[in-house]
């Protein structure tokens, strides 16, 4: 792999990571809602899911999965349903009577789990590894080694970007200690996830 190809991958991956989507919005919502530690845990879950995708990509399995219409539709609808559930849960929670310090919420480990599930159920993430990643691989060289290099590069970029989102959104923690603000924040987060669920549901390969 040439340095120019690697640099192009870095530029594309950085732009994709910075673009708001299910992963970045979930990290920001967790950090703003429950603190920067929850945001970092959610980001770690997303990076873990990407590691799983990279392993499948290196083994050549993800291209087979992406090519299967039934598997793609199944993953797409699971992803849409999960995002809709997160959105509905946030909106429903905003109408519940709050106990003191309820904002602390469930264990941070839940944020890791949900972050991983959000990324695993994201059809665009799967297609990135199945369609975009191979564009940066030179077939004349070892494919597995190149996937490892690109995978590690992607993971570092993703981790840095998501950490930035978590720390920035974590700054909202004090503001969200006010119940009225917290309620509207939850409703806003819920609305965003319901919108992402709709986008995922109507997503078509090649769009």
N, C-alpha and C. Protein backbone atom coordinates (compact mmCIF):
# COMPACT_ATOMS: atom_id res chain seq x y z
N UNK A 1 0.85 -1.19 0.00
CA UNK A 1 0.00 0.00 0.00
C UNK A 1 0.89 1.25 0.00
N UNK A 2 0.60 2.15 -0.94
CA UNK A 2 1.41 3.37 -1.03
C UNK A 2 1.00 4.36 0.05
N UNK A 3 1.91 5.30 0.33
CA UNK A 3 1.62 6.34 1.32
C UNK A 3 0.46 7.21 0.86
N UNK A 4 0.39 7.44 -0.46
CA UNK A 4 -0.70 8.28 -1.01
C UNK A 4 -2.06 7.61 -0.78
N UNK A 5 -2.12 6.30 -0.99
CA UNK A 5 -3.37 5.57 -0.78
C UNK A 5 -3.77 5.62 0.69
N UNK A 6 -2.79 5.42 1.56
CA UNK A 6 -3.07 5.47 3.00
C UNK A 6 -3.56 6.85 3.42
N UNK A 7 -2.92 7.90 2.89
CA UNK A 7 -3.31 9.27 3.24
C UNK A 7 -4.73 9.57 2.74
N UNK A 8 -5.07 9.06 1.57
CA UNK A 8 -6.43 9.24 1.06
C UNK A 8 -7.44 8.54 1.95
N UNK A 9 -7.08 7.34 2.40
CA UNK A 9 -7.97 6.61 3.32
C UNK A 9 -8.16 7.39 4.61
N UNK A 10 -7.10 7.94 5.15
CA UNK A 10 -7.18 8.73 6.38
C UNK A 10 -8.14 9.90 6.20
N UNK A 11 -8.02 10.59 5.05
CA UNK A 11 -8.89 11.75 4.79
C UNK A 11 -10.35 11.33 4.70
N UNK A 12 -10.61 10.25 3.96
CA UNK A 12 -12.00 9.78 3.78
C UNK A 12 -12.57 9.29 5.10
N UNK A 13 -11.80 8.51 5.84
CA UNK A 13 -12.27 7.96 7.11
C UNK A 13 -12.53 9.06 8.13
N UNK A 14 -11.65 10.05 8.18
CA UNK A 14 -11.83 11.16 9.11
C UNK A 14 -13.11 11.93 8.80
N UNK A 15 -13.35 12.19 7.52
CA UNK A 15 -14.56 12.90 7.12
C UNK A 15 -15.81 12.10 7.49
N UNK A 16 -15.77 10.79 7.23
CA UNK A 16 -16.92 9.95 7.56
C UNK A 16 -17.17 9.90 9.06
N UNK A 17 -16.09 9.83 9.85
CA UNK A 17 -16.23 9.78 11.31
C UNK A 17 -16.79 11.09 11.87
N UNK A 18 -16.38 12.20 11.28
CA UNK A 18 -16.83 13.51 11.76
C UNK A 18 -18.28 13.79 11.39
N UNK A 19 -18.76 13.15 10.31
CA UNK A 19 -20.14 13.39 9.86
C UNK A 19 -21.13 12.80 10.86
N UNK A 20 -22.08 13.61 11.34
CA UNK A 20 -23.05 13.09 12.31
C UNK A 20 -23.82 11.89 11.76
N UNK A 21 -23.91 10.86 12.56
CA UNK A 21 -24.64 9.66 12.20
C UNK A 21 -25.03 8.93 13.46
N UNK A 22 -25.56 7.71 13.35
CA UNK A 22 -25.98 6.98 14.55
C UNK A 22 -24.88 6.86 15.61
N UNK A 23 -23.63 6.60 15.17
CA UNK A 23 -22.54 6.39 16.13
C UNK A 23 -22.22 7.66 16.89
N UNK A 24 -21.95 8.75 16.16
CA UNK A 24 -21.57 9.99 16.83
C UNK A 24 -22.71 10.56 17.66
N UNK A 25 -23.93 10.46 17.15
CA UNK A 25 -25.08 10.99 17.90
C UNK A 25 -25.34 10.17 19.15
N UNK A 26 -25.12 8.85 19.07
CA UNK A 26 -25.32 8.03 20.26
C UNK A 26 -24.29 8.36 21.33
N UNK A 27 -23.04 8.52 20.92
CA UNK A 27 -21.99 8.88 21.87
C UNK A 27 -22.29 10.23 22.52
N UNK A 28 -22.67 11.21 21.69
CA UNK A 28 -22.97 12.54 22.22
C UNK A 28 -24.16 12.51 23.18
N UNK A 29 -25.18 11.72 22.83
CA UNK A 29 -26.35 11.66 23.70
C UNK A 29 -26.03 10.99 25.03
N UNK A 30 -25.21 9.93 24.99
CA UNK A 30 -24.83 9.26 26.23
C UNK A 30 -23.99 10.16 27.12
N UNK A 31 -23.04 10.89 26.50
CA UNK A 31 -22.18 11.78 27.27
C UNK A 31 -22.96 12.95 27.87
N UNK A 32 -23.86 13.53 27.07
CA UNK A 32 -24.65 14.64 27.57
C UNK A 32 -25.65 14.21 28.61
N UNK A 33 -26.18 13.03 28.46
CA UNK A 33 -27.23 12.53 29.32
C UNK A 33 -26.67 11.98 30.63
N UNK A 34 -25.54 11.21 30.52
CA UNK A 34 -25.06 10.48 31.68
C UNK A 34 -23.61 10.76 32.03
N UNK A 35 -22.96 11.67 31.29
CA UNK A 35 -21.58 12.03 31.60
C UNK A 35 -20.58 11.48 30.59
N UNK A 36 -19.38 12.04 30.62
CA UNK A 36 -18.38 11.70 29.61
C UNK A 36 -17.93 10.25 29.69
N UNK A 37 -17.97 9.64 30.89
CA UNK A 37 -17.57 8.23 31.00
C UNK A 37 -18.51 7.34 30.19
N UNK A 38 -19.81 7.63 30.27
CA UNK A 38 -20.77 6.85 29.49
C UNK A 38 -20.54 7.08 28.00
N UNK A 39 -20.20 8.31 27.64
CA UNK A 39 -19.90 8.61 26.23
C UNK A 39 -18.69 7.85 25.74
N UNK A 40 -17.64 7.79 26.57
CA UNK A 40 -16.45 7.04 26.18
C UNK A 40 -16.75 5.54 26.08
N UNK A 41 -17.59 5.04 26.99
CA UNK A 41 -17.96 3.62 26.94
C UNK A 41 -18.74 3.32 25.67
N UNK A 42 -19.65 4.22 25.29
CA UNK A 42 -20.40 4.04 24.05
C UNK A 42 -19.46 4.04 22.85
N UNK A 43 -18.48 4.97 22.86
CA UNK A 43 -17.50 5.01 21.78
C UNK A 43 -16.68 3.74 21.71
N UNK A 44 -16.31 3.19 22.88
CA UNK A 44 -15.55 1.94 22.90
C UNK A 44 -16.37 0.80 22.32
N UNK A 45 -17.68 0.80 22.58
CA UNK A 45 -18.54 -0.23 22.01
C UNK A 45 -18.60 -0.14 20.50
N UNK A 46 -18.65 1.08 19.99
CA UNK A 46 -18.68 1.30 18.54
C UNK A 46 -17.37 0.83 17.91
N UNK A 47 -16.25 1.17 18.53
CA UNK A 47 -14.94 0.73 18.02
C UNK A 47 -14.84 -0.79 18.06
N UNK A 48 -15.38 -1.41 19.11
CA UNK A 48 -15.36 -2.88 19.21
C UNK A 48 -16.16 -3.50 18.07
N UNK A 49 -17.31 -2.89 17.76
CA UNK A 49 -18.12 -3.41 16.64
C UNK A 49 -17.37 -3.27 15.33
N UNK A 50 -16.66 -2.17 15.15
CA UNK A 50 -15.87 -1.99 13.94
C UNK A 50 -14.76 -3.03 13.85
N UNK A 51 -14.19 -3.39 14.99
CA UNK A 51 -13.15 -4.43 15.00
C UNK A 51 -13.72 -5.75 14.48
N UNK A 52 -14.94 -6.05 14.89
CA UNK A 52 -15.62 -7.26 14.41
C UNK A 52 -15.81 -7.20 12.90
N UNK A 53 -16.22 -6.03 12.40
CA UNK A 53 -16.40 -5.87 10.96
C UNK A 53 -15.08 -6.04 10.21
N UNK A 54 -14.00 -5.51 10.78
CA UNK A 54 -12.71 -5.63 10.12
C UNK A 54 -12.25 -7.08 10.04
N UNK A 55 -12.52 -7.85 11.08
CA UNK A 55 -12.16 -9.27 11.06
C UNK A 55 -12.93 -9.98 9.95
N UNK A 56 -14.23 -9.70 9.85
CA UNK A 56 -15.04 -10.31 8.79
C UNK A 56 -14.54 -9.88 7.42
N UNK A 57 -14.15 -8.61 7.32
CA UNK A 57 -13.65 -8.10 6.04
C UNK A 57 -12.36 -8.81 5.65
N UNK A 58 -11.46 -8.99 6.62
CA UNK A 58 -10.20 -9.68 6.35
C UNK A 58 -10.43 -11.12 5.92
N UNK A 59 -11.46 -11.74 6.47
CA UNK A 59 -11.78 -13.12 6.13
C UNK A 59 -12.59 -13.23 4.83
N UNK A 60 -13.02 -12.09 4.30
CA UNK A 60 -13.79 -12.09 3.07
C UNK A 60 -15.26 -12.41 3.26
N UNK A 61 -15.71 -12.50 4.51
CA UNK A 61 -17.09 -12.89 4.77
C UNK A 61 -18.07 -11.73 4.62
N UNK A 62 -17.60 -10.51 4.91
CA UNK A 62 -18.54 -9.40 4.93
C UNK A 62 -19.07 -9.08 3.54
N UNK A 63 -18.24 -9.32 2.51
CA UNK A 63 -18.71 -9.09 1.14
C UNK A 63 -19.85 -10.06 0.80
N UNK A 64 -19.73 -11.28 1.29
CA UNK A 64 -20.78 -12.28 1.06
C UNK A 64 -22.06 -11.86 1.79
N UNK A 65 -21.91 -11.39 3.02
CA UNK A 65 -23.06 -10.95 3.80
C UNK A 65 -23.76 -9.78 3.14
N UNK A 66 -22.95 -8.79 2.70
CA UNK A 66 -23.52 -7.60 2.08
C UNK A 66 -24.21 -7.92 0.76
N UNK A 67 -23.70 -8.96 0.06
CA UNK A 67 -24.29 -9.31 -1.23
C UNK A 67 -25.61 -10.06 -1.07
N UNK A 68 -25.85 -10.60 0.11
CA UNK A 68 -27.09 -11.34 0.35
C UNK A 68 -28.23 -10.37 0.62
N UNK A 69 -29.22 -10.38 -0.26
CA UNK A 69 -30.34 -9.45 -0.12
C UNK A 69 -31.12 -9.71 1.17
N UNK A 70 -31.33 -10.97 1.50
CA UNK A 70 -32.09 -11.32 2.70
C UNK A 70 -31.36 -10.89 3.96
N UNK A 71 -30.04 -11.18 4.00
CA UNK A 71 -29.25 -10.81 5.18
C UNK A 71 -29.21 -9.29 5.33
N UNK A 72 -29.01 -8.58 4.20
CA UNK A 72 -28.95 -7.12 4.25
C UNK A 72 -30.26 -6.55 4.78
N UNK A 73 -31.39 -7.04 4.26
CA UNK A 73 -32.69 -6.53 4.72
C UNK A 73 -32.91 -6.84 6.20
N UNK A 74 -32.50 -8.04 6.61
CA UNK A 74 -32.67 -8.42 8.01
C UNK A 74 -31.90 -7.48 8.93
N UNK A 75 -30.62 -7.25 8.59
CA UNK A 75 -29.80 -6.35 9.41
C UNK A 75 -30.35 -4.93 9.37
N UNK A 76 -30.83 -4.52 8.21
CA UNK A 76 -31.36 -3.16 8.08
C UNK A 76 -32.57 -2.96 8.99
N UNK A 77 -33.49 -3.90 8.98
CA UNK A 77 -34.71 -3.75 9.78
C UNK A 77 -34.43 -3.94 11.27
N UNK A 78 -33.47 -4.78 11.61
CA UNK A 78 -33.06 -4.89 13.01
C UNK A 78 -32.47 -3.57 13.49
N UNK A 79 -31.63 -2.98 12.64
CA UNK A 79 -31.04 -1.69 12.98
C UNK A 79 -32.08 -0.60 13.13
N UNK A 80 -33.03 -0.55 12.20
CA UNK A 80 -34.08 0.46 12.28
C UNK A 80 -34.92 0.28 13.53
N UNK A 81 -35.24 -0.98 13.86
CA UNK A 81 -36.06 -1.25 15.05
C UNK A 81 -35.31 -0.87 16.32
N UNK A 82 -34.01 -1.16 16.35
CA UNK A 82 -33.24 -0.84 17.56
C UNK A 82 -33.12 0.67 17.75
N UNK A 83 -32.87 1.40 16.67
CA UNK A 83 -32.80 2.86 16.76
C UNK A 83 -34.14 3.45 17.18
N UNK A 84 -35.22 2.88 16.64
CA UNK A 84 -36.56 3.35 17.02
C UNK A 84 -36.82 3.08 18.50
N UNK A 85 -36.36 1.92 18.99
CA UNK A 85 -36.53 1.59 20.41
C UNK A 85 -35.77 2.57 21.29
N UNK A 86 -34.52 2.91 20.91
CA UNK A 86 -33.75 3.88 21.68
C UNK A 86 -34.45 5.24 21.69
N UNK A 87 -34.98 5.64 20.53
CA UNK A 87 -35.68 6.92 20.45
C UNK A 87 -36.93 6.94 21.29
N UNK A 88 -37.73 5.89 21.19
CA UNK A 88 -38.97 5.82 21.97
C UNK A 88 -38.68 5.78 23.46
N UNK A 89 -37.62 5.05 23.85
CA UNK A 89 -37.26 4.96 25.26
C UNK A 89 -36.85 6.33 25.82
N UNK A 90 -36.10 7.09 25.02
CA UNK A 90 -35.68 8.42 25.47
C UNK A 90 -36.86 9.36 25.62
N UNK A 91 -37.76 9.34 24.64
CA UNK A 91 -38.93 10.22 24.71
C UNK A 91 -39.84 9.81 25.86
N UNK A 92 -40.07 8.51 26.02
CA UNK A 92 -40.91 8.03 27.11
C UNK A 92 -40.30 8.41 28.46
N UNK A 93 -38.99 8.26 28.58
CA UNK A 93 -38.32 8.61 29.82
C UNK A 93 -38.43 10.07 30.17
N UNK A 94 -38.52 10.94 29.15
CA UNK A 94 -38.61 12.37 29.42
C UNK A 94 -39.92 12.76 30.08
N UNK A 95 -40.93 11.91 29.98
CA UNK A 95 -42.23 12.20 30.58
C UNK A 95 -42.40 11.55 31.95
N UNK A 96 -41.40 10.78 32.38
CA UNK A 96 -41.51 10.11 33.66
C UNK A 96 -41.09 11.04 34.79
N UNK A 97 -41.65 10.82 35.97
CA UNK A 97 -41.28 11.59 37.13
C UNK A 97 -39.86 11.20 37.55
N UNK A 98 -39.01 12.18 37.78
CA UNK A 98 -37.61 11.92 38.07
C UNK A 98 -37.34 11.78 39.56
N UNK A 99 -36.55 10.78 39.89
CA UNK A 99 -36.02 10.68 41.24
C UNK A 99 -34.74 11.50 41.29
N UNK A 100 -34.28 11.90 42.46
CA UNK A 100 -33.03 12.66 42.55
C UNK A 100 -31.88 11.90 41.91
N UNK A 101 -31.08 12.63 41.11
CA UNK A 101 -29.89 12.10 40.45
C UNK A 101 -30.22 10.94 39.52
N UNK A 102 -31.44 10.91 39.01
CA UNK A 102 -31.82 9.86 38.06
C UNK A 102 -30.97 9.89 36.81
N UNK A 103 -30.41 11.06 36.52
CA UNK A 103 -29.61 11.22 35.31
C UNK A 103 -28.41 10.27 35.29
N UNK A 104 -28.01 9.75 36.47
CA UNK A 104 -26.88 8.82 36.49
C UNK A 104 -27.19 7.56 35.69
N UNK A 105 -28.44 7.14 35.73
CA UNK A 105 -28.90 6.07 34.87
C UNK A 105 -28.26 4.72 35.16
N UNK A 106 -28.40 3.79 34.21
CA UNK A 106 -27.89 2.44 34.37
C UNK A 106 -26.37 2.39 34.31
N UNK A 107 -25.77 1.22 34.56
CA UNK A 107 -24.30 1.11 34.55
C UNK A 107 -23.69 1.54 33.22
N UNK A 108 -22.45 2.04 33.30
CA UNK A 108 -21.74 2.49 32.11
C UNK A 108 -21.59 1.35 31.11
N UNK A 109 -21.50 0.12 31.60
CA UNK A 109 -21.37 -1.03 30.71
C UNK A 109 -22.53 -1.11 29.72
N UNK A 110 -23.69 -0.60 30.11
CA UNK A 110 -24.83 -0.60 29.20
C UNK A 110 -24.56 0.29 27.99
N UNK A 111 -23.83 1.38 28.21
CA UNK A 111 -23.49 2.28 27.10
C UNK A 111 -22.57 1.58 26.11
N UNK A 112 -21.62 0.78 26.63
CA UNK A 112 -20.74 0.00 25.75
C UNK A 112 -21.55 -0.98 24.93
N UNK A 113 -22.44 -1.70 25.59
CA UNK A 113 -23.28 -2.69 24.89
C UNK A 113 -24.14 -2.02 23.82
N UNK A 114 -24.82 -0.93 24.19
CA UNK A 114 -25.70 -0.26 23.24
C UNK A 114 -24.92 0.36 22.09
N UNK A 115 -23.72 0.89 22.38
CA UNK A 115 -22.89 1.45 21.31
C UNK A 115 -22.51 0.38 20.30
N UNK A 116 -22.13 -0.80 20.80
CA UNK A 116 -21.78 -1.90 19.90
C UNK A 116 -22.98 -2.33 19.06
N UNK A 117 -24.14 -2.41 19.69
CA UNK A 117 -25.34 -2.84 18.97
C UNK A 117 -25.76 -1.81 17.93
N UNK A 118 -25.65 -0.52 18.26
CA UNK A 118 -25.99 0.53 17.29
C UNK A 118 -25.12 0.40 16.04
N UNK A 119 -23.82 0.16 16.24
CA UNK A 119 -22.92 0.06 15.09
C UNK A 119 -23.11 -1.24 14.32
N UNK A 120 -23.31 -2.34 15.03
CA UNK A 120 -23.50 -3.63 14.36
C UNK A 120 -24.78 -3.65 13.54
N UNK A 121 -25.78 -2.91 13.98
CA UNK A 121 -27.07 -2.89 13.30
C UNK A 121 -27.17 -1.77 12.27
N UNK A 122 -26.05 -1.09 12.00
CA UNK A 122 -26.04 0.01 11.05
C UNK A 122 -25.64 -0.51 9.66
N UNK A 123 -26.58 -0.58 8.71
CA UNK A 123 -26.24 -1.15 7.39
C UNK A 123 -25.17 -0.36 6.64
N UNK A 124 -25.11 0.95 6.89
CA UNK A 124 -24.08 1.75 6.20
C UNK A 124 -22.69 1.38 6.69
N UNK A 125 -22.57 1.03 7.97
CA UNK A 125 -21.28 0.61 8.50
C UNK A 125 -20.83 -0.68 7.83
N UNK A 126 -21.78 -1.61 7.66
CA UNK A 126 -21.44 -2.88 7.02
C UNK A 126 -21.01 -2.65 5.57
N UNK A 127 -21.73 -1.78 4.86
CA UNK A 127 -21.40 -1.54 3.46
C UNK A 127 -20.07 -0.79 3.31
N UNK A 128 -19.70 0.00 4.32
CA UNK A 128 -18.40 0.67 4.28
C UNK A 128 -17.29 -0.38 4.19
N UNK A 129 -17.38 -1.40 5.02
CA UNK A 129 -16.35 -2.43 5.04
C UNK A 129 -16.45 -3.35 3.83
N UNK A 130 -17.64 -3.48 3.26
CA UNK A 130 -17.82 -4.38 2.12
C UNK A 130 -17.51 -3.72 0.79
N UNK A 131 -17.79 -2.42 0.67
CA UNK A 131 -17.67 -1.74 -0.62
C UNK A 131 -16.57 -0.69 -0.66
N UNK A 132 -16.49 0.16 0.36
CA UNK A 132 -15.52 1.26 0.32
C UNK A 132 -14.12 0.81 0.68
N UNK A 133 -13.99 0.01 1.71
CA UNK A 133 -12.68 -0.44 2.15
C UNK A 133 -11.86 -1.12 1.05
N UNK A 134 -12.46 -2.03 0.25
CA UNK A 134 -11.67 -2.69 -0.80
C UNK A 134 -11.09 -1.73 -1.83
N UNK A 135 -11.65 -0.52 -1.96
CA UNK A 135 -11.14 0.43 -2.94
C UNK A 135 -9.72 0.89 -2.60
N UNK A 136 -9.32 0.74 -1.35
CA UNK A 136 -7.99 1.19 -0.93
C UNK A 136 -7.00 0.04 -0.82
N UNK A 137 -7.41 -1.15 -1.24
CA UNK A 137 -6.53 -2.32 -1.14
C UNK A 137 -5.95 -2.66 -2.50
N UNK A 138 -4.64 -2.82 -2.53
CA UNK A 138 -3.93 -3.19 -3.76
C UNK A 138 -3.93 -4.71 -3.87
N UNK A 139 -4.63 -5.26 -4.88
CA UNK A 139 -4.72 -6.73 -5.01
C UNK A 139 -3.37 -7.39 -5.28
N UNK A 140 -2.38 -6.60 -5.73
CA UNK A 140 -1.07 -7.17 -6.02
C UNK A 140 -0.26 -7.42 -4.75
N UNK A 141 -0.74 -6.88 -3.62
CA UNK A 141 -0.05 -7.06 -2.35
C UNK A 141 -0.92 -7.88 -1.40
N UNK A 142 -0.38 -8.19 -0.25
CA UNK A 142 -1.12 -8.99 0.72
C UNK A 142 -2.36 -8.28 1.22
N UNK A 143 -3.53 -8.84 0.91
CA UNK A 143 -4.79 -8.18 1.28
C UNK A 143 -4.99 -8.14 2.79
N UNK A 144 -4.67 -9.23 3.48
CA UNK A 144 -4.89 -9.28 4.92
C UNK A 144 -4.06 -8.22 5.64
N UNK A 145 -2.79 -8.09 5.25
CA UNK A 145 -1.92 -7.09 5.88
C UNK A 145 -2.46 -5.68 5.65
N UNK A 146 -2.97 -5.43 4.45
CA UNK A 146 -3.52 -4.10 4.16
C UNK A 146 -4.80 -3.84 4.97
N UNK A 147 -5.63 -4.86 5.13
CA UNK A 147 -6.84 -4.70 5.93
C UNK A 147 -6.48 -4.40 7.38
N UNK A 148 -5.42 -5.05 7.89
CA UNK A 148 -4.98 -4.79 9.26
C UNK A 148 -4.52 -3.35 9.42
N UNK A 149 -3.73 -2.88 8.44
CA UNK A 149 -3.24 -1.49 8.50
C UNK A 149 -4.40 -0.50 8.45
N UNK A 150 -5.30 -0.72 7.50
CA UNK A 150 -6.45 0.18 7.38
C UNK A 150 -7.36 0.07 8.60
N UNK A 151 -7.47 -1.15 9.13
CA UNK A 151 -8.31 -1.35 10.30
C UNK A 151 -7.79 -0.60 11.52
N UNK A 152 -6.50 -0.73 11.78
CA UNK A 152 -5.91 -0.03 12.91
C UNK A 152 -6.00 1.48 12.72
N UNK A 153 -5.77 1.93 11.48
CA UNK A 153 -5.87 3.36 11.20
C UNK A 153 -7.28 3.87 11.47
N UNK A 154 -8.26 3.12 10.97
CA UNK A 154 -9.65 3.50 11.16
C UNK A 154 -10.04 3.53 12.63
N UNK A 155 -9.58 2.53 13.38
CA UNK A 155 -9.92 2.45 14.80
C UNK A 155 -9.36 3.65 15.58
N UNK A 156 -8.13 4.03 15.25
CA UNK A 156 -7.53 5.19 15.93
C UNK A 156 -8.30 6.46 15.62
N UNK A 157 -8.63 6.65 14.33
CA UNK A 157 -9.37 7.85 13.93
C UNK A 157 -10.74 7.87 14.60
N UNK A 158 -11.43 6.74 14.55
CA UNK A 158 -12.77 6.66 15.14
C UNK A 158 -12.71 6.93 16.64
N UNK A 159 -11.72 6.34 17.31
CA UNK A 159 -11.61 6.52 18.76
C UNK A 159 -11.35 7.98 19.12
N UNK A 160 -10.48 8.65 18.35
CA UNK A 160 -10.17 10.06 18.62
C UNK A 160 -11.40 10.94 18.40
N UNK A 161 -12.09 10.71 17.28
CA UNK A 161 -13.27 11.52 16.96
C UNK A 161 -14.38 11.30 18.00
N UNK A 162 -14.65 10.06 18.34
CA UNK A 162 -15.71 9.77 19.30
C UNK A 162 -15.37 10.28 20.70
N UNK A 163 -14.08 10.22 21.05
CA UNK A 163 -13.66 10.79 22.32
C UNK A 163 -13.93 12.29 22.35
N UNK A 164 -13.65 12.96 21.23
CA UNK A 164 -13.93 14.38 21.14
C UNK A 164 -15.41 14.68 21.32
N UNK A 165 -16.25 13.88 20.67
CA UNK A 165 -17.70 14.05 20.81
C UNK A 165 -18.13 13.83 22.27
N UNK A 166 -17.56 12.79 22.91
CA UNK A 166 -17.94 12.47 24.28
C UNK A 166 -17.56 13.59 25.24
N UNK A 167 -16.34 14.11 25.10
CA UNK A 167 -15.87 15.16 26.00
C UNK A 167 -16.63 16.46 25.77
N UNK A 168 -16.91 16.77 24.50
CA UNK A 168 -17.65 17.99 24.20
C UNK A 168 -19.07 17.92 24.73
N UNK A 169 -19.74 16.80 24.49
CA UNK A 169 -21.11 16.65 24.95
C UNK A 169 -21.17 16.52 26.46
N UNK A 170 -20.11 15.96 27.06
CA UNK A 170 -20.08 15.82 28.51
C UNK A 170 -20.12 17.17 29.21
N UNK A 171 -19.72 18.22 28.49
CA UNK A 171 -19.77 19.56 29.06
C UNK A 171 -21.19 20.04 29.32
N UNK A 172 -22.17 19.35 28.72
CA UNK A 172 -23.57 19.71 28.93
C UNK A 172 -24.12 19.16 30.24
N UNK A 173 -23.29 18.37 30.94
CA UNK A 173 -23.75 17.65 32.13
C UNK A 173 -24.38 18.58 33.17
N UNK A 174 -23.71 19.67 33.47
CA UNK A 174 -24.23 20.59 34.49
C UNK A 174 -25.54 21.23 34.03
N UNK A 175 -25.58 21.58 32.74
CA UNK A 175 -26.80 22.19 32.21
C UNK A 175 -27.97 21.22 32.30
N UNK A 176 -27.68 19.93 32.04
CA UNK A 176 -28.74 18.93 32.05
C UNK A 176 -29.17 18.53 33.45
N UNK A 177 -28.47 19.08 34.46
CA UNK A 177 -28.92 18.82 35.83
C UNK A 177 -30.25 19.52 36.10
N UNK A 178 -30.57 20.51 35.28
CA UNK A 178 -31.87 21.17 35.39
C UNK A 178 -32.92 20.29 34.73
N UNK A 179 -33.96 19.96 35.46
CA UNK A 179 -34.92 18.97 35.00
C UNK A 179 -35.58 19.34 33.68
N UNK A 180 -35.97 20.61 33.53
CA UNK A 180 -36.65 21.02 32.30
C UNK A 180 -35.74 20.84 31.09
N UNK A 181 -34.48 21.26 31.24
CA UNK A 181 -33.51 21.12 30.15
C UNK A 181 -33.29 19.65 29.83
N UNK A 182 -33.16 18.84 30.89
CA UNK A 182 -32.92 17.40 30.69
C UNK A 182 -34.08 16.74 29.94
N UNK A 183 -35.30 17.14 30.29
CA UNK A 183 -36.46 16.55 29.62
C UNK A 183 -36.44 16.85 28.13
N UNK A 184 -36.18 18.12 27.79
CA UNK A 184 -36.17 18.49 26.36
C UNK A 184 -34.98 17.89 25.63
N UNK A 185 -33.88 17.71 26.35
CA UNK A 185 -32.73 17.06 25.74
C UNK A 185 -33.08 15.61 25.38
N UNK A 186 -33.73 14.90 26.32
CA UNK A 186 -34.12 13.53 26.06
C UNK A 186 -35.08 13.44 24.88
N UNK A 187 -36.01 14.39 24.81
CA UNK A 187 -36.97 14.39 23.70
C UNK A 187 -36.25 14.66 22.37
N UNK A 188 -35.28 15.56 22.42
CA UNK A 188 -34.52 15.84 21.20
C UNK A 188 -33.72 14.63 20.75
N UNK A 189 -33.06 13.98 21.71
CA UNK A 189 -32.30 12.76 21.40
C UNK A 189 -33.23 11.69 20.84
N UNK A 190 -34.39 11.52 21.48
CA UNK A 190 -35.36 10.52 21.01
C UNK A 190 -35.82 10.80 19.60
N UNK A 191 -36.08 12.08 19.31
CA UNK A 191 -36.53 12.45 17.97
C UNK A 191 -35.46 12.17 16.93
N UNK A 192 -34.19 12.45 17.29
CA UNK A 192 -33.08 12.19 16.37
C UNK A 192 -32.98 10.70 16.07
N UNK A 193 -33.10 9.86 17.10
CA UNK A 193 -32.99 8.42 16.87
C UNK A 193 -34.18 7.87 16.10
N UNK A 194 -35.36 8.41 16.32
CA UNK A 194 -36.51 7.99 15.52
C UNK A 194 -36.30 8.38 14.05
N UNK A 195 -35.71 9.56 13.83
CA UNK A 195 -35.42 10.00 12.46
C UNK A 195 -34.38 9.09 11.81
N UNK A 196 -33.34 8.73 12.58
CA UNK A 196 -32.32 7.82 12.06
C UNK A 196 -32.92 6.44 11.76
N UNK A 197 -33.87 6.02 12.59
CA UNK A 197 -34.55 4.74 12.34
C UNK A 197 -35.29 4.78 11.01
N UNK A 198 -35.95 5.91 10.74
CA UNK A 198 -36.68 6.05 9.48
C UNK A 198 -35.72 6.06 8.29
N UNK A 199 -34.59 6.78 8.45
CA UNK A 199 -33.59 6.81 7.37
C UNK A 199 -33.04 5.42 7.11
N UNK A 200 -32.75 4.68 8.19
CA UNK A 200 -32.25 3.32 8.04
C UNK A 200 -33.27 2.41 7.37
N UNK A 201 -34.53 2.54 7.76
CA UNK A 201 -35.59 1.70 7.20
C UNK A 201 -35.73 1.89 5.69
N UNK A 202 -35.55 3.14 5.24
CA UNK A 202 -35.73 3.43 3.81
C UNK A 202 -34.43 3.42 3.04
N UNK A 203 -33.32 3.03 3.73
CA UNK A 203 -32.02 3.03 3.08
C UNK A 203 -31.94 1.93 2.03
N UNK A 204 -31.34 2.26 0.89
CA UNK A 204 -31.14 1.30 -0.20
C UNK A 204 -29.67 1.23 -0.53
N UNK A 205 -29.16 0.06 -0.82
CA UNK A 205 -27.77 -0.07 -1.24
C UNK A 205 -27.52 0.76 -2.49
N UNK A 206 -26.39 1.50 -2.43
CA UNK A 206 -26.05 2.35 -3.56
C UNK A 206 -26.56 3.75 -3.40
N UNK A 207 -27.37 4.02 -2.33
CA UNK A 207 -27.88 5.37 -2.08
C UNK A 207 -26.94 6.14 -1.20
